[in-house]
Amino acid sequence: MDGACMNWLWYILSGLCAGVAAGMGMGGGTLLIPVLTLALGLPQHAAQGVNVLAFLPAAVAALVIHAKAGRLHLRACLPIIFAGALGALAASFLAGRIDAPWLRRMFGGFLILLACLRAFGKRLKK
Protein backbone atom coordinates (compact mmCIF):
# COMPACT_ATOMS: atom_id res chain seq x y z
CA MET A 1 0.00 0.00 0.00
CA ASP A 2 1.47 3.36 -0.99
CA GLY A 3 1.91 6.29 1.41
CA ALA A 4 -1.11 8.26 0.19
CA CYS A 5 -3.45 5.30 0.70
CA MET A 6 -1.97 4.64 4.11
CA ASN A 7 -2.56 8.25 5.13
CA TRP A 8 -6.19 8.04 4.02
CA LEU A 9 -6.56 4.84 6.00
CA TRP A 10 -5.17 6.62 9.09
CA TYR A 11 -7.55 9.53 8.53
CA ILE A 12 -10.54 7.20 8.24
CA LEU A 13 -9.59 5.07 11.24
CA SER A 14 -8.81 8.07 13.43
CA GLY A 15 -12.08 9.73 12.42
CA LEU A 16 -14.00 6.56 13.21
CA CYS A 17 -12.36 6.10 16.62
CA ALA A 18 -12.71 9.77 17.50
CA GLY A 19 -16.35 9.70 16.39
CA VAL A 20 -17.00 6.73 18.67
CA ALA A 21 -15.38 8.61 21.56
CA ALA A 22 -17.40 11.73 20.77
CA GLY A 23 -20.62 9.76 20.54
CA MET A 24 -19.97 8.37 23.99
CA GLY A 25 -19.43 11.89 25.32
CA MET A 26 -15.70 11.46 25.88
CA GLY A 27 -14.44 14.19 23.58
CA GLY A 28 -13.03 12.72 20.41
CA GLY A 29 -10.43 15.48 20.09
CA THR A 30 -8.42 13.93 22.90
CA LEU A 31 -7.85 11.05 20.51
CA LEU A 32 -7.98 12.77 17.13
CA ILE A 33 -5.48 15.58 17.75
CA PRO A 34 -2.63 13.29 18.88
CA VAL A 35 -3.25 10.99 15.90
CA LEU A 36 -3.26 13.91 13.48
CA THR A 37 -0.08 15.42 14.91
CA LEU A 38 1.93 12.34 15.89
CA ALA A 39 0.90 9.75 13.30
CA LEU A 40 0.05 11.98 10.36
CA GLY A 41 2.39 14.90 10.94
CA LEU A 42 -0.16 17.70 10.80
CA PRO A 43 0.92 20.92 12.50
CA GLN A 44 -0.73 21.48 15.89
CA HIS A 45 -2.80 24.46 14.74
CA ALA A 46 -4.07 22.56 11.70
CA ALA A 47 -4.93 19.50 13.79
CA GLN A 48 -6.98 21.60 16.17
CA GLY A 49 -8.82 23.20 13.26
CA VAL A 50 -9.49 19.82 11.65
CA ASN A 51 -10.75 18.56 15.00
CA VAL A 52 -13.31 21.35 15.29
CA LEU A 53 -14.58 20.84 11.76
CA ALA A 54 -14.64 17.05 12.04
CA PHE A 55 -16.82 17.12 15.12
CA LEU A 56 -19.60 19.27 13.76
CA PRO A 57 -21.30 16.37 11.96
CA ALA A 58 -20.29 13.90 14.68
CA ALA A 59 -21.81 16.14 17.35
CA VAL A 60 -25.05 16.54 15.41
CA ALA A 61 -25.35 12.79 14.90
CA ALA A 62 -24.69 12.08 18.58
CA LEU A 63 -27.03 14.88 19.63
CA VAL A 64 -29.93 13.34 17.71
CA ILE A 65 -29.42 9.96 19.38
CA HIS A 66 -29.02 11.43 22.87
CA ALA A 67 -32.08 13.66 22.38
CA LYS A 68 -34.24 10.75 21.21
CA ALA A 69 -33.12 8.75 24.25
CA GLY A 70 -34.09 11.62 26.56
CA ARG A 71 -30.57 12.18 27.85
CA LEU A 72 -30.53 15.96 27.39
CA HIS A 73 -31.22 18.18 30.36
CA LEU A 74 -32.05 21.49 28.74
CA ARG A 75 -31.76 23.54 31.92
CA ALA A 76 -28.16 22.40 32.22
CA CYS A 77 -27.48 22.70 28.47
CA LEU A 78 -28.38 26.33 27.88
CA PRO A 79 -25.85 28.00 30.19
CA ILE A 80 -23.19 25.50 29.13
CA ILE A 81 -23.86 26.22 25.45
CA PHE A 82 -23.64 29.97 25.98
CA ALA A 83 -20.49 29.83 28.11
CA GLY A 84 -18.94 27.20 25.84
CA ALA A 85 -19.48 29.34 22.74
CA LEU A 86 -17.86 32.34 24.43
CA GLY A 87 -14.98 30.21 25.68
CA ALA A 88 -14.46 28.63 22.26
CA LEU A 89 -14.44 32.02 20.59
CA ALA A 90 -11.84 33.38 23.00
CA ALA A 91 -9.71 30.23 22.98
CA SER A 92 -9.73 29.99 19.18
CA PHE A 93 -8.55 33.58 18.97
CA LEU A 94 -5.79 32.93 21.53
CA ALA A 95 -4.72 29.57 20.06
CA GLY A 96 -3.90 31.28 16.78
CA ARG A 97 -1.47 33.54 18.62
CA ILE A 98 0.34 30.83 20.59
CA ASP A 99 3.43 29.26 19.03
CA ALA A 100 2.86 25.66 17.95
CA PRO A 101 5.38 24.12 20.40
CA TRP A 102 3.65 25.84 23.33
CA LEU A 103 0.21 24.93 22.05
CA ARG A 104 1.34 21.30 21.77
CA ARG A 105 2.69 21.40 25.34
CA MET A 106 -0.52 22.95 26.62
CA PHE A 107 -2.59 20.26 24.91
CA GLY A 108 -0.30 17.55 26.30
CA GLY A 109 -0.62 19.04 29.77
CA PHE A 110 -4.39 19.05 29.39
CA LEU A 111 -4.33 15.36 28.45
CA ILE A 112 -2.14 14.53 31.46
CA LEU A 113 -4.42 16.49 33.79
CA LEU A 114 -7.48 14.80 32.31
CA ALA A 115 -5.92 11.37 32.72
CA CYS A 116 -5.00 12.07 36.35
CA LEU A 117 -8.46 13.37 37.16
CA ARG A 118 -10.11 10.35 35.57
CA ALA A 119 -7.75 7.91 37.27
CA PHE A 120 -7.52 9.45 40.73
CA GLY A 121 -10.20 12.12 41.02
CA LYS A 122 -13.20 11.83 43.23
CA ARG A 123 -16.63 13.03 42.25
CA LEU A 124 -17.67 16.22 43.94
CA LYS A 125 -20.75 15.75 46.08
CA LYS A 126 -23.52 18.27 46.50
Foldseek 3Di string as FASTA:
>chain_A
DDPVVVLVVLVVVLLVVLLVCVLVVNHSLLRQQCCCCPVVNDQNLVSVVVSVVSCPVSVVVSVVVCVVVVNDDVVVPVVCVVVVVVVVVVVNVVVVVDDRVVVVVVSVVVSVVVVCCVVPNDDDDD
